[in-house]
């Protein structure tokens, strides 16, 4: 008898290891892209309100529906303005980027006290003076921005404090830009445009401790199997005499930080009533102010903090402003 071929593709991706819970519900961005035009703030933050669908004219030249009206699934992100609380200057050392100095606004939002201890009697002029004297040592500037959950449909007062890199142009121009932004409320319309591609960074829905069938998609064993049906058939060979990391095991599923690349912005607006369905979004309610609609789905449940970033691997296709015919306002519950 010849050897019988067995088709056994591996179950579950090894690209995401370890599958542990995220350290924080607010995603952490470890890499910022480089842009030529500027100075430009490379990111923003909002809250996931829910999904809807939009009717628009298909503008991808290679599509069989090019020029026709099509329906796309889309996600609405509630994006109230960010308050720029501080400017942070970084210098390059043999051990990576290190903070050189900071400049805090004189009267930061009161709710920041719920999150962190801020400097007493901050004087931004002293910080800016030190930055100006050391401009030759400064590698990059980042803005510390606080969210305003009170202006969104999120039932909390404590803001998130996030760091957003400024890029483009020369360091001197970046310095003048960050100086002008300190203490201001920054809208999403100042940073992104309709039709632009962005990266979405967020923490996915948590599903707790799950077995290998649900967690990694292994095959359910035969009805007459010994011991268990929803387990795996073998933990591996005799040699090496240990359980390899590639073996599908039970464990944490969901609540992982994930990045989705090149999500297209379909629409940006300042009046949430234009996109809020009848009765509001389920488990969220109405969108009150500024919003961003991106194509497709994004990680996380409703109310999750969503970080938006300039694309790190942008498509070659130049972004065009999509022609939106209508956004569905039908009640999601019928």
C-alpha atoms as a PDB file:
ATOM      1  CA  UNK A   1       0.000   0.000   0.000  1.00  0.00           C
ATOM      2  CA  UNK A   2       1.192   3.495  -0.874  1.00  0.00           C
ATOM      3  CA  UNK A   3       1.287   6.345   1.625  1.00  0.00           C
ATOM      4  CA  UNK A   4      -2.131   8.015   1.897  1.00  0.00           C
ATOM      5  CA  UNK A   5      -2.001  11.769   1.465  1.00  0.00           C
ATOM      6  CA  UNK A   6      -3.670  13.656   4.293  1.00  0.00           C
ATOM      7  CA  UNK A   7      -4.760  17.241   3.749  1.00  0.00           C
ATOM      8  CA  UNK A   8      -4.425  18.939   7.118  1.00  0.00           C
ATOM      9  CA  UNK A   9      -4.014  22.722   6.831  1.00  0.00           C
ATOM     10  CA  UNK A  10      -2.915  24.385  10.044  1.00  0.00           C
ATOM     11  CA  UNK A  11      -5.723  25.866  12.115  1.00  0.00           C
ATOM     12  CA  UNK A  12      -5.466  29.405  13.403  1.00  0.00           C
ATOM     13  CA  UNK A  13      -2.961  32.073  12.420  1.00  0.00           C
ATOM     14  CA  UNK A  14       0.413  32.225  14.167  1.00  0.00           C
ATOM     15  CA  UNK A  15       0.766  35.858  13.132  1.00  0.00           C
ATOM     16  CA  UNK A  16      -0.753  37.084  16.404  1.00  0.00           C
ATOM     17  CA  UNK A  17       1.186  35.747  19.366  1.00  0.00           C
ATOM     18  CA  UNK A  18       0.693  35.690  22.261  1.00  0.00           C
ATOM     19  CA  UNK A  19      -3.076  35.917  22.200  1.00  0.00           C
ATOM     20  CA  UNK A  20      -3.162  37.672  25.550  1.00  0.00           C
ATOM     21  CA  UNK A  21      -5.451  40.459  26.684  1.00  0.00           C
ATOM     22  CA  UNK A  22      -4.500  43.992  25.672  1.00  0.00           C
ATOM     23  CA  UNK A  23      -2.781  46.032  28.384  1.00  0.00           C
ATOM     24  CA  UNK A  24      -5.116  48.969  27.858  1.00  0.00           C
ATOM     25  CA  UNK A  25      -8.483  49.587  26.242  1.00  0.00           C
ATOM     26  CA  UNK A  26      -6.914  52.585  24.506  1.00  0.00           C
ATOM     27  CA  UNK A  27      -4.761  51.277  21.652  1.00  0.00           C
ATOM     28  CA  UNK A  28      -1.079  52.135  21.629  1.00  0.00           C
ATOM     29  CA  UNK A  29       0.504  53.314  18.372  1.00  0.00           C
ATOM     30  CA  UNK A  30       4.132  52.212  18.069  1.00  0.00           C
ATOM     31  CA  UNK A  31       4.845  53.519  14.574  1.00  0.00           C
ATOM     32  CA  UNK A  32       4.053  56.793  12.809  1.00  0.00           C
ATOM     33  CA  UNK A  33       4.472  57.230   9.028  1.00  0.00           C
ATOM     34  CA  UNK A  34       6.483  59.981   7.368  1.00  0.00           C
ATOM     35  CA  UNK A  35       4.682  62.644   5.300  1.00  0.00           C
ATOM     36  CA  UNK A  36       6.225  65.329   3.102  1.00  0.00           C
ATOM     37  CA  UNK A  37       3.590  68.084   3.306  1.00  0.00           C
ATOM     38  CA  UNK A  38       3.136  69.756   6.624  1.00  0.00           C
ATOM     39  CA  UNK A  39       3.410  70.396   9.403  1.00  0.00           C
ATOM     40  CA  UNK A  40       0.706  67.725   9.817  1.00  0.00           C
ATOM     41  CA  UNK A  41      -0.831  66.045  12.845  1.00  0.00           C
ATOM     42  CA  UNK A  42      -0.802  62.326  12.021  1.00  0.00           C
ATOM     43  CA  UNK A  43      -3.748  61.035  14.035  1.00  0.00           C
ATOM     44  CA  UNK A  44      -7.045  61.464  15.838  1.00  0.00           C
ATOM     45  CA  UNK A  45      -9.341  59.547  18.184  1.00  0.00           C
ATOM     46  CA  UNK A  46     -13.047  58.784  18.359  1.00  0.00           C
ATOM     47  CA  UNK A  47     -15.584  56.303  19.679  1.00  0.00           C
ATOM     48  CA  UNK A  48     -17.268  53.537  17.704  1.00  0.00           C
ATOM     49  CA  UNK A  49     -20.992  54.321  17.409  1.00  0.00           C
ATOM     50  CA  UNK A  50     -22.113  51.439  15.186  1.00  0.00           C
ATOM     51  CA  UNK A  51     -22.575  50.295  11.610  1.00  0.00           C
ATOM     52  CA  UNK A  52     -24.814  51.431   8.795  1.00  0.00           C
ATOM     53  CA  UNK A  53     -24.743  51.304   4.989  1.00  0.00           C
ATOM     54  CA  UNK A  54     -24.236  54.024   2.413  1.00  0.00           C
ATOM     55  CA  UNK A  55     -25.293  54.347  -1.216  1.00  0.00           C
ATOM     56  CA  UNK A  56     -22.559  55.809  -3.389  1.00  0.00           C
ATOM     57  CA  UNK A  57     -21.285  55.872  -6.964  1.00  0.00           C
ATOM     58  CA  UNK A  58     -18.666  53.158  -7.544  1.00  0.00           C
ATOM     59  CA  UNK A  59     -15.455  55.006  -8.476  1.00  0.00           C
ATOM     60  CA  UNK A  60     -12.949  52.143  -8.722  1.00  0.00           C
ATOM     61  CA  UNK A  61     -12.040  52.026 -12.409  1.00  0.00           C
ATOM     62  CA  UNK A  62     -11.490  48.242 -12.457  1.00  0.00           C
ATOM     63  CA  UNK A  63     -14.868  47.395 -10.914  1.00  0.00           C
ATOM     64  CA  UNK A  64     -17.650  45.892 -13.075  1.00  0.00           C
ATOM     65  CA  UNK A  65     -20.006  48.333 -11.324  1.00  0.00           C
ATOM     66  CA  UNK A  66     -17.893  51.402 -12.192  1.00  0.00           C
ATOM     67  CA  UNK A  67     -20.115  54.494 -12.438  1.00  0.00           C
ATOM     68  CA  UNK A  68     -23.151  52.695 -10.990  1.00  0.00           C
ATOM     69  CA  UNK A  69     -24.865  53.222  -7.660  1.00  0.00           C
ATOM     70  CA  UNK A  70     -23.701  50.614  -5.139  1.00  0.00           C
ATOM     71  CA  UNK A  71     -24.284  49.890  -1.451  1.00  0.00           C
ATOM     72  CA  UNK A  72     -21.355  49.680   0.957  1.00  0.00           C
ATOM     73  CA  UNK A  73     -21.334  48.598   4.634  1.00  0.00           C
ATOM     74  CA  UNK A  74     -19.788  51.356   6.746  1.00  0.00           C
ATOM     75  CA  UNK A  75     -18.891  52.187  10.345  1.00  0.00           C
ATOM     76  CA  UNK A  76     -19.728  55.485  12.050  1.00  0.00           C
ATOM     77  CA  UNK A  77     -17.094  56.858  14.447  1.00  0.00           C
ATOM     78  CA  UNK A  78     -18.193  59.605  16.861  1.00  0.00           C
ATOM     79  CA  UNK A  79     -15.309  62.118  16.790  1.00  0.00           C
ATOM     80  CA  UNK A  80     -15.726  65.043  19.239  1.00  0.00           C
ATOM     81  CA  UNK A  81     -12.893  67.634  19.240  1.00  0.00           C
ATOM     82  CA  UNK A  82      -9.595  66.900  21.019  1.00  0.00           C
ATOM     83  CA  UNK A  83      -8.135  69.390  23.489  1.00  0.00           C
ATOM     84  CA  UNK A  84      -4.390  69.919  22.967  1.00  0.00           C
ATOM     85  CA  UNK A  85      -3.120  69.893  26.563  1.00  0.00           C
ATOM     86  CA  UNK A  86       0.649  69.785  26.068  1.00  0.00           C
ATOM     87  CA  UNK A  87       3.529  69.753  23.613  1.00  0.00           C
ATOM     88  CA  UNK A  88       6.282  67.192  24.087  1.00  0.00           C
ATOM     89  CA  UNK A  89       9.718  67.445  22.422  1.00  0.00           C
ATOM     90  CA  UNK A  90      11.814  64.327  21.822  1.00  0.00           C
ATOM     91  CA  UNK A  91      15.535  63.945  21.254  1.00  0.00           C
ATOM     92  CA  UNK A  92      17.320  60.946  19.713  1.00  0.00           C
ATOM     93  CA  UNK A  93      19.724  59.036  21.996  1.00  0.00           C
ATOM     94  CA  UNK A  94      21.654  55.750  21.590  1.00  0.00           C
ATOM     95  CA  UNK A  95      18.797  54.177  23.600  1.00  0.00           C
ATOM     96  CA  UNK A  96      15.960  55.526  21.431  1.00  0.00           C
ATOM     97  CA  UNK A  97      13.763  58.612  21.743  1.00  0.00           C
ATOM     98  CA  UNK A  98      13.855  60.427  25.088  1.00  0.00           C
ATOM     99  CA  UNK A  99      11.696  63.342  26.257  1.00  0.00           C
ATOM    100  CA  UNK A 100      13.663  66.596  26.245  1.00  0.00           C
ATOM    101  CA  UNK A 101      10.958  68.841  27.711  1.00  0.00           C
ATOM    102  CA  UNK A 102       7.214  69.546  27.815  1.00  0.00           C
ATOM    103  CA  UNK A 103       5.005  72.630  27.665  1.00  0.00           C
ATOM    104  CA  UNK A 104       1.548  72.336  29.308  1.00  0.00           C
ATOM    105  CA  UNK A 105      -1.356  74.693  28.735  1.00  0.00           C
ATOM    106  CA  UNK A 106      -2.151  77.059  31.629  1.00  0.00           C
ATOM    107  CA  UNK A 107      -5.593  75.698  32.480  1.00  0.00           C
ATOM    108  CA  UNK A 108      -5.953  72.062  31.358  1.00  0.00           C
ATOM    109  CA  UNK A 109      -9.481  70.500  31.396  1.00  0.00           C
ATOM    110  CA  UNK A 110     -10.597  69.712  34.960  1.00  0.00           C
ATOM    111  CA  UNK A 111     -11.449  66.098  34.125  1.00  0.00           C
ATOM    112  CA  UNK A 112      -7.763  65.418  33.351  1.00  0.00           C
ATOM    113  CA  UNK A 113      -7.311  65.199  37.158  1.00  0.00           C
ATOM    114  CA  UNK A 114      -9.292  61.953  37.062  1.00  0.00           C
ATOM    115  CA  UNK A 115      -6.629  60.460  34.812  1.00  0.00           C
ATOM    116  CA  UNK A 116      -3.233  61.871  35.765  1.00  0.00           C
ATOM    117  CA  UNK A 117      -1.455  64.387  37.975  1.00  0.00           C
ATOM    118  CA  UNK A 118      -0.672  67.466  35.939  1.00  0.00           C
ATOM    119  CA  UNK A 119       2.038  70.057  36.671  1.00  0.00           C
ATOM    120  CA  UNK A 120       1.120  72.740  39.229  1.00  0.00           C
ATOM    121  CA  UNK A 121       0.919  76.263  37.812  1.00  0.00           C
ATOM    122  CA  UNK A 122       2.229  75.283  34.364  1.00  0.00           C
ATOM    123  CA  UNK A 123       3.977  78.012  32.375  1.00  0.00           C
ATOM    124  CA  UNK A 124       4.091  77.053  28.674  1.00  0.00           C
ATOM    125  CA  UNK A 125       6.485  79.919  27.856  1.00  0.00           C
ATOM    126  CA  UNK A 126       9.288  78.313  29.903  1.00  0.00           C
ATOM    127  CA  UNK A 127       8.828  75.031  28.033  1.00  0.00           C
ATOM    128  CA  UNK A 128       8.770  76.742  24.631  1.00  0.00           C
ATOM    129  CA  UNK A 129      11.864  78.766  25.542  1.00  0.00           C
ATOM    130  CA  UNK A 130      13.800  75.580  26.354  1.00  0.00           C
ATOM    131  CA  UNK A 131      12.597  73.986  23.090  1.00  0.00           C
ATOM    132  CA  UNK A 132      13.716  77.020  21.072  1.00  0.00           C
ATOM    133  CA  UNK A 133      17.168  76.929  22.668  1.00  0.00           C
ATOM    134  CA  UNK A 134      17.546  73.199  21.842  1.00  0.00           C
ATOM    135  CA  UNK A 135      15.938  73.059  18.388  1.00  0.00           C
ATOM    136  CA  UNK A 136      19.104  71.473  16.949  1.00  0.00           C
ATOM    137  CA  UNK A 137      18.770  68.548  19.407  1.00  0.00           C
ATOM    138  CA  UNK A 138      15.032  67.967  18.907  1.00  0.00           C
ATOM    139  CA  UNK A 139      14.138  65.054  16.600  1.00  0.00           C
ATOM    140  CA  UNK A 140      10.341  65.262  16.707  1.00  0.00           C
ATOM    141  CA  UNK A 141       7.340  66.899  18.361  1.00  0.00           C
ATOM    142  CA  UNK A 142       4.237  65.175  19.679  1.00  0.00           C
ATOM    143  CA  UNK A 143       1.025  66.693  21.007  1.00  0.00           C
ATOM    144  CA  UNK A 144      -0.712  65.389  24.131  1.00  0.00           C
ATOM    145  CA  UNK A 145      -4.417  65.466  23.311  1.00  0.00           C
ATOM    146  CA  UNK A 146      -7.341  64.806  25.656  1.00  0.00           C
ATOM    147  CA  UNK A 147     -10.621  63.389  24.377  1.00  0.00           C
ATOM    148  CA  UNK A 148     -13.985  64.865  25.406  1.00  0.00           C
ATOM    149  CA  UNK A 149     -16.248  61.862  26.142  1.00  0.00           C
ATOM    150  CA  UNK A 150     -18.935  64.212  27.527  1.00  0.00           C
ATOM    151  CA  UNK A 151     -19.558  65.400  23.957  1.00  0.00           C
ATOM    152  CA  UNK A 152     -19.941  61.812  22.710  1.00  0.00           C
ATOM    153  CA  UNK A 153     -22.480  59.090  23.520  1.00  0.00           C
ATOM    154  CA  UNK A 154     -20.103  57.456  26.008  1.00  0.00           C
ATOM    155  CA  UNK A 155     -21.268  57.216  29.652  1.00  0.00           C
ATOM    156  CA  UNK A 156     -18.104  58.465  31.345  1.00  0.00           C
ATOM    157  CA  UNK A 157     -16.307  61.648  32.353  1.00  0.00           C
ATOM    158  CA  UNK A 158     -12.660  60.511  32.413  1.00  0.00           C
ATOM    159  CA  UNK A 159     -10.944  61.477  29.151  1.00  0.00           C
ATOM    160  CA  UNK A 160      -8.195  59.568  27.361  1.00  0.00           C
ATOM    161  CA  UNK A 161      -4.815  61.298  27.061  1.00  0.00           C
ATOM    162  CA  UNK A 162      -3.100  60.294  23.839  1.00  0.00           C
ATOM    163  CA  UNK A 163       0.124  61.237  22.095  1.00  0.00           C
ATOM    164  CA  UNK A 164       0.005  62.215  18.399  1.00  0.00           C
ATOM    165  CA  UNK A 165       3.104  62.839  16.303  1.00  0.00           C
ATOM    166  CA  UNK A 166       3.581  65.972  14.177  1.00  0.00           C
ATOM    167  CA  UNK A 167       5.419  65.400  10.882  1.00  0.00           C
ATOM    168  CA  UNK A 168       6.237  67.115   7.578  1.00  0.00           C
ATOM    169  CA  UNK A 169       8.297  70.244   6.802  1.00  0.00           C
ATOM    170  CA  UNK A 170      11.294  71.298   8.938  1.00  0.00           C
ATOM    171  CA  UNK A 171      11.651  71.134  12.733  1.00  0.00           C
ATOM    172  CA  UNK A 172      11.455  74.956  12.953  1.00  0.00           C
ATOM    173  CA  UNK A 173       8.086  74.969  11.122  1.00  0.00           C
ATOM    174  CA  UNK A 174       6.851  72.093  13.289  1.00  0.00           C
ATOM    175  CA  UNK A 175       7.793  74.110  16.383  1.00  0.00           C
ATOM    176  CA  UNK A 176       5.739  77.114  15.221  1.00  0.00           C
ATOM    177  CA  UNK A 177       2.815  74.781  14.431  1.00  0.00           C
ATOM    178  CA  UNK A 178       2.739  73.035  17.840  1.00  0.00           C
ATOM    179  CA  UNK A 179       3.128  76.404  19.560  1.00  0.00           C
ATOM    180  CA  UNK A 180       0.007  77.674  17.788  1.00  0.00           C
ATOM    181  CA  UNK A 181      -2.039  74.542  18.628  1.00  0.00           C
ATOM    182  CA  UNK A 182      -1.466  74.427  22.409  1.00  0.00           C
ATOM    183  CA  UNK A 183      -4.713  74.887  24.344  1.00  0.00           C
ATOM    184  CA  UNK A 184      -6.937  74.704  21.257  1.00  0.00           C
ATOM    185  CA  UNK A 185      -9.778  72.320  20.433  1.00  0.00           C
ATOM    186  CA  UNK A 186      -8.874  70.376  17.302  1.00  0.00           C
ATOM    187  CA  UNK A 187     -11.583  69.006  15.000  1.00  0.00           C
ATOM    188  CA  UNK A 188     -11.270  65.892  12.856  1.00  0.00           C
ATOM    189  CA  UNK A 189     -12.058  68.042   9.800  1.00  0.00           C
ATOM    190  CA  UNK A 190      -8.682  69.803  10.341  1.00  0.00           C
ATOM    191  CA  UNK A 191      -6.760  66.535   9.981  1.00  0.00           C
ATOM    192  CA  UNK A 192      -8.474  64.168   7.529  1.00  0.00           C
ATOM    193  CA  UNK A 193     -10.324  64.580   4.235  1.00  0.00           C
ATOM    194  CA  UNK A 194     -13.123  62.628   2.577  1.00  0.00           C
ATOM    195  CA  UNK A 195     -11.790  59.878   0.313  1.00  0.00           C
ATOM    196  CA  UNK A 196      -8.523  59.603   2.267  1.00  0.00           C
ATOM    197  CA  UNK A 197      -7.195  56.207   3.368  1.00  0.00           C
ATOM    198  CA  UNK A 198      -6.396  55.788   7.061  1.00  0.00           C
ATOM    199  CA  UNK A 199      -5.317  53.064   9.472  1.00  0.00           C
ATOM    200  CA  UNK A 200      -7.642  52.085  12.314  1.00  0.00           C
ATOM    201  CA  UNK A 201      -6.020  50.913  15.571  1.00  0.00           C
ATOM    202  CA  UNK A 202      -8.308  49.525  18.281  1.00  0.00           C
ATOM    203  CA  UNK A 203      -8.827  46.744  20.827  1.00  0.00           C
ATOM    204  CA  UNK A 204     -11.135  44.001  19.553  1.00  0.00           C
ATOM    205  CA  UNK A 205     -14.245  42.597  21.268  1.00  0.00           C
ATOM    206  CA  UNK A 206     -13.366  40.462  24.286  1.00  0.00           C
ATOM    207  CA  UNK A 207     -14.768  36.925  24.264  1.00  0.00           C
ATOM    208  CA  UNK A 208     -13.057  35.533  27.361  1.00  0.00           C
ATOM    209  CA  UNK A 209     -11.568  32.037  27.736  1.00  0.00           C
ATOM    210  CA  UNK A 210     -12.540  29.848  24.773  1.00  0.00           C
ATOM    211  CA  UNK A 211     -11.733  26.330  23.589  1.00  0.00           C
ATOM    212  CA  UNK A 212      -9.661  25.473  20.502  1.00  0.00           C
ATOM    213  CA  UNK A 213     -12.699  24.966  18.228  1.00  0.00           C
ATOM    214  CA  UNK A 214     -14.056  28.496  18.657  1.00  0.00           C
ATOM    215  CA  UNK A 215     -10.684  30.163  19.287  1.00  0.00           C
ATOM    216  CA  UNK A 216      -8.620  28.638  16.468  1.00  0.00           C
ATOM    217  CA  UNK A 217     -11.126  26.872  14.229  1.00  0.00           C
ATOM    218  CA  UNK A 218      -9.920  23.284  14.714  1.00  0.00           C
ATOM    219  CA  UNK A 219     -12.121  20.498  13.414  1.00  0.00           C
ATOM    220  CA  UNK A 220     -14.746  18.969  15.724  1.00  0.00           C
ATOM    221  CA  UNK A 221     -13.804  15.319  16.186  1.00  0.00           C
ATOM    222  CA  UNK A 222     -15.901  12.276  15.332  1.00  0.00           C
ATOM    223  CA  UNK A 223     -18.942  11.418  17.462  1.00  0.00           C
ATOM    224  CA  UNK A 224     -17.255   8.211  18.728  1.00  0.00           C
ATOM    225  CA  UNK A 225     -14.026  10.013  19.705  1.00  0.00           C
ATOM    226  CA  UNK A 226     -12.305   9.112  22.943  1.00  0.00           C
ATOM    227  CA  UNK A 227     -12.489  11.603  25.825  1.00  0.00           C
ATOM    228  CA  UNK A 228     -13.591  14.744  23.951  1.00  0.00           C
ATOM    229  CA  UNK A 229     -15.060  15.996  20.690  1.00  0.00           C
ATOM    230  CA  UNK A 230     -14.188  19.703  20.938  1.00  0.00           C
ATOM    231  CA  UNK A 231     -10.530  19.157  21.796  1.00  0.00           C
ATOM    232  CA  UNK A 232      -7.537  18.377  19.601  1.00  0.00           C
ATOM    233  CA  UNK A 233      -6.562  14.788  18.696  1.00  0.00           C
ATOM    234  CA  UNK A 234      -2.892  15.023  19.689  1.00  0.00           C
ATOM    235  CA  UNK A 235      -0.646  17.394  21.616  1.00  0.00           C
ATOM    236  CA  UNK A 236       2.243  16.609  19.254  1.00  0.00           C
ATOM    237  CA  UNK A 237       5.027  14.025  18.708  1.00  0.00           C
ATOM    238  CA  UNK A 238       7.121  12.160  21.284  1.00  0.00           C
ATOM    239  CA  UNK A 239      10.137  14.145  20.192  1.00  0.00           C
ATOM    240  CA  UNK A 240      10.594  17.002  20.961  1.00  0.00           C
ATOM    241  CA  UNK A 241       9.064  15.952  24.286  1.00  0.00           C
ATOM    242  CA  UNK A 242       7.174  19.142  24.981  1.00  0.00           C
ATOM    243  CA  UNK A 243       4.014  20.840  23.761  1.00  0.00           C
ATOM    244  CA  UNK A 244       4.975  23.218  20.939  1.00  0.00           C
ATOM    245  CA  UNK A 245       3.646  26.776  20.808  1.00  0.00           C
ATOM    246  CA  UNK A 246       2.059  25.986  17.435  1.00  0.00           C
ATOM    247  CA  UNK A 247      -0.388  23.503  19.001  1.00  0.00           C
ATOM    248  CA  UNK A 248      -3.951  24.836  19.234  1.00  0.00           C
ATOM    249  CA  UNK A 249      -4.899  25.232  22.910  1.00  0.00           C
ATOM    250  CA  UNK A 250      -7.727  26.843  24.843  1.00  0.00           C
ATOM    251  CA  UNK A 251      -7.162  30.389  26.121  1.00  0.00           C
ATOM    252  CA  UNK A 252      -8.008  34.075  25.806  1.00  0.00           C
ATOM    253  CA  UNK A 253      -9.995  35.077  22.736  1.00  0.00           C
ATOM    254  CA  UNK A 254     -10.600  38.683  21.777  1.00  0.00           C
ATOM    255  CA  UNK A 255      -9.654  41.913  23.585  1.00  0.00           C
ATOM    256  CA  UNK A 256      -6.498  42.050  21.458  1.00  0.00           C
ATOM    257  CA  UNK A 257      -5.051  45.213  19.922  1.00  0.00           C
ATOM    258  CA  UNK A 258      -5.446  45.094  16.147  1.00  0.00           C
ATOM    259  CA  UNK A 259      -4.579  47.443  13.250  1.00  0.00           C
ATOM    260  CA  UNK A 260      -6.682  47.551  10.087  1.00  0.00           C
ATOM    261  CA  UNK A 261      -4.851  49.152   7.195  1.00  0.00           C
ATOM    262  CA  UNK A 262      -6.243  51.429   4.477  1.00  0.00           C
ATOM    263  CA  UNK A 263      -9.839  51.987   5.520  1.00  0.00           C
ATOM    264  CA  UNK A 264     -11.355  54.622   3.247  1.00  0.00           C
ATOM    265  CA  UNK A 265     -13.070  57.661   4.731  1.00  0.00           C
ATOM    266  CA  UNK A 266     -16.414  57.915   2.954  1.00  0.00           C
ATOM    267  CA  UNK A 267     -17.800  60.968   4.742  1.00  0.00           C
ATOM    268  CA  UNK A 268     -16.827  63.503   7.430  1.00  0.00           C
ATOM    269  CA  UNK A 269     -19.416  65.811   8.963  1.00  0.00           C
ATOM    270  CA  UNK A 270     -20.138  68.020  11.948  1.00  0.00           C
ATOM    271  CA  UNK A 271     -23.855  67.293  12.446  1.00  0.00           C
ATOM    272  CA  UNK A 272     -24.418  63.831  13.901  1.00  0.00           C
ATOM    273  CA  UNK A 273     -28.135  63.946  13.073  1.00  0.00           C
ATOM    274  CA  UNK A 274     -27.183  63.341   9.422  1.00  0.00           C
ATOM    275  CA  UNK A 275     -26.011  59.800  10.225  1.00  0.00           C
ATOM    276  CA  UNK A 276     -27.917  58.790  13.377  1.00  0.00           C
ATOM    277  CA  UNK A 277     -30.546  56.118  12.533  1.00  0.00           C
ATOM    278  CA  UNK A 278     -34.107  56.280  13.892  1.00  0.00           C
ATOM    279  CA  UNK A 279     -33.957  55.488  17.609  1.00  0.00           C
ATOM    280  CA  UNK A 280     -30.172  55.954  17.705  1.00  0.00           C
ATOM    281  CA  UNK A 281     -27.401  53.394  17.389  1.00  0.00           C
ATOM    282  CA  UNK A 282     -28.001  50.237  19.443  1.00  0.00           C
ATOM    283  CA  UNK A 283     -26.178  50.428  22.823  1.00  0.00           C
ATOM    284  CA  UNK A 284     -24.829  53.867  21.881  1.00  0.00           C
ATOM    285  CA  UNK A 285     -27.604  56.350  21.164  1.00  0.00           C
ATOM    286  CA  UNK A 286     -27.383  59.413  18.921  1.00  0.00           C
ATOM    287  CA  UNK A 287     -24.184  60.902  17.503  1.00  0.00           C
ATOM    288  CA  UNK A 288     -24.240  64.509  18.761  1.00  0.00           C
ATOM    289  CA  UNK A 289     -21.480  66.280  16.847  1.00  0.00           C
ATOM    290  CA  UNK A 290     -18.625  65.541  14.438  1.00  0.00           C
ATOM    291  CA  UNK A 291     -18.373  62.070  12.915  1.00  0.00           C
ATOM    292  CA  UNK A 292     -16.325  60.002  10.467  1.00  0.00           C
ATOM    293  CA  UNK A 293     -17.772  57.243   8.272  1.00  0.00           C
ATOM    294  CA  UNK A 294     -15.243  54.615   7.159  1.00  0.00           C
ATOM    295  CA  UNK A 295     -15.872  51.770   4.739  1.00  0.00           C
ATOM    296  CA  UNK A 296     -16.324  48.277   6.143  1.00  0.00           C
ATOM    297  CA  UNK A 297     -16.062  47.098   9.728  1.00  0.00           C
ATOM    298  CA  UNK A 298     -13.499  47.965  12.411  1.00  0.00           C
ATOM    299  CA  UNK A 299     -12.342  46.180  15.606  1.00  0.00           C
ATOM    300  CA  UNK A 300     -14.165  46.510  18.925  1.00  0.00           C
ATOM    301  CA  UNK A 301     -17.697  46.828  20.304  1.00  0.00           C
ATOM    302  CA  UNK A 302     -19.708  50.052  20.428  1.00  0.00           C
ATOM    303  CA  UNK A 303     -18.261  52.783  22.690  1.00  0.00           C
ATOM    304  CA  UNK A 304     -14.716  51.440  22.136  1.00  0.00           C
ATOM    305  CA  UNK A 305     -11.949  54.040  21.713  1.00  0.00           C
ATOM    306  CA  UNK A 306     -10.824  54.078  18.067  1.00  0.00           C
ATOM    307  CA  UNK A 307      -7.490  55.586  17.011  1.00  0.00           C
ATOM    308  CA  UNK A 308      -7.196  56.945  13.473  1.00  0.00           C
ATOM    309  CA  UNK A 309      -3.767  57.323  11.870  1.00  0.00           C
ATOM    310  CA  UNK A 310      -2.313  58.433   8.547  1.00  0.00           C
ATOM    311  CA  UNK A 311      -1.702  55.279   6.434  1.00  0.00           C
ATOM    312  CA  UNK A 312       1.645  53.530   6.950  1.00  0.00           C
ATOM    313  CA  UNK A 313       1.355  51.535   3.697  1.00  0.00           C
ATOM    314  CA  UNK A 314      -0.954  53.666   1.520  1.00  0.00           C
ATOM    315  CA  UNK A 315      -2.390  52.221  -1.712  1.00  0.00           C
ATOM    316  CA  UNK A 316      -1.003  53.502  -5.014  1.00  0.00           C
ATOM    317  CA  UNK A 317      -4.453  54.685  -6.073  1.00  0.00           C
ATOM    318  CA  UNK A 318      -4.848  58.389  -5.383  1.00  0.00           C
ATOM    319  CA  UNK A 319      -7.680  59.189  -2.988  1.00  0.00           C
ATOM    320  CA  UNK A 320     -10.744  60.809  -4.567  1.00  0.00           C
ATOM    321  CA  UNK A 321     -13.729  62.332  -2.811  1.00  0.00           C
ATOM    322  CA  UNK A 322     -16.475  59.675  -2.963  1.00  0.00           C
ATOM    323  CA  UNK A 323     -19.865  60.659  -4.341  1.00  0.00           C
ATOM    324  CA  UNK A 324     -22.263  59.693  -1.533  1.00  0.00           C
ATOM    325  CA  UNK A 325     -25.915  59.485  -2.575  1.00  0.00           C
ATOM    326  CA  UNK A 326     -27.379  58.727   0.850  1.00  0.00           C
ATOM    327  CA  UNK A 327     -26.604  57.261   4.279  1.00  0.00           C
ATOM    328  CA  UNK A 328     -29.168  54.793   5.616  1.00  0.00           C
ATOM    329  CA  UNK A 329     -31.145  56.155   8.603  1.00  0.00           C
ATOM    330  CA  UNK A 330     -33.437  53.127   8.954  1.00  0.00           C
ATOM    331  CA  UNK A 331     -33.853  51.813  12.490  1.00  0.00           C
ATOM    332  CA  UNK A 332     -31.418  48.945  13.099  1.00  0.00           C
ATOM    333  CA  UNK A 333     -34.140  47.161  15.106  1.00  0.00           C
ATOM    334  CA  UNK A 334     -36.785  47.442  12.390  1.00  0.00           C
END
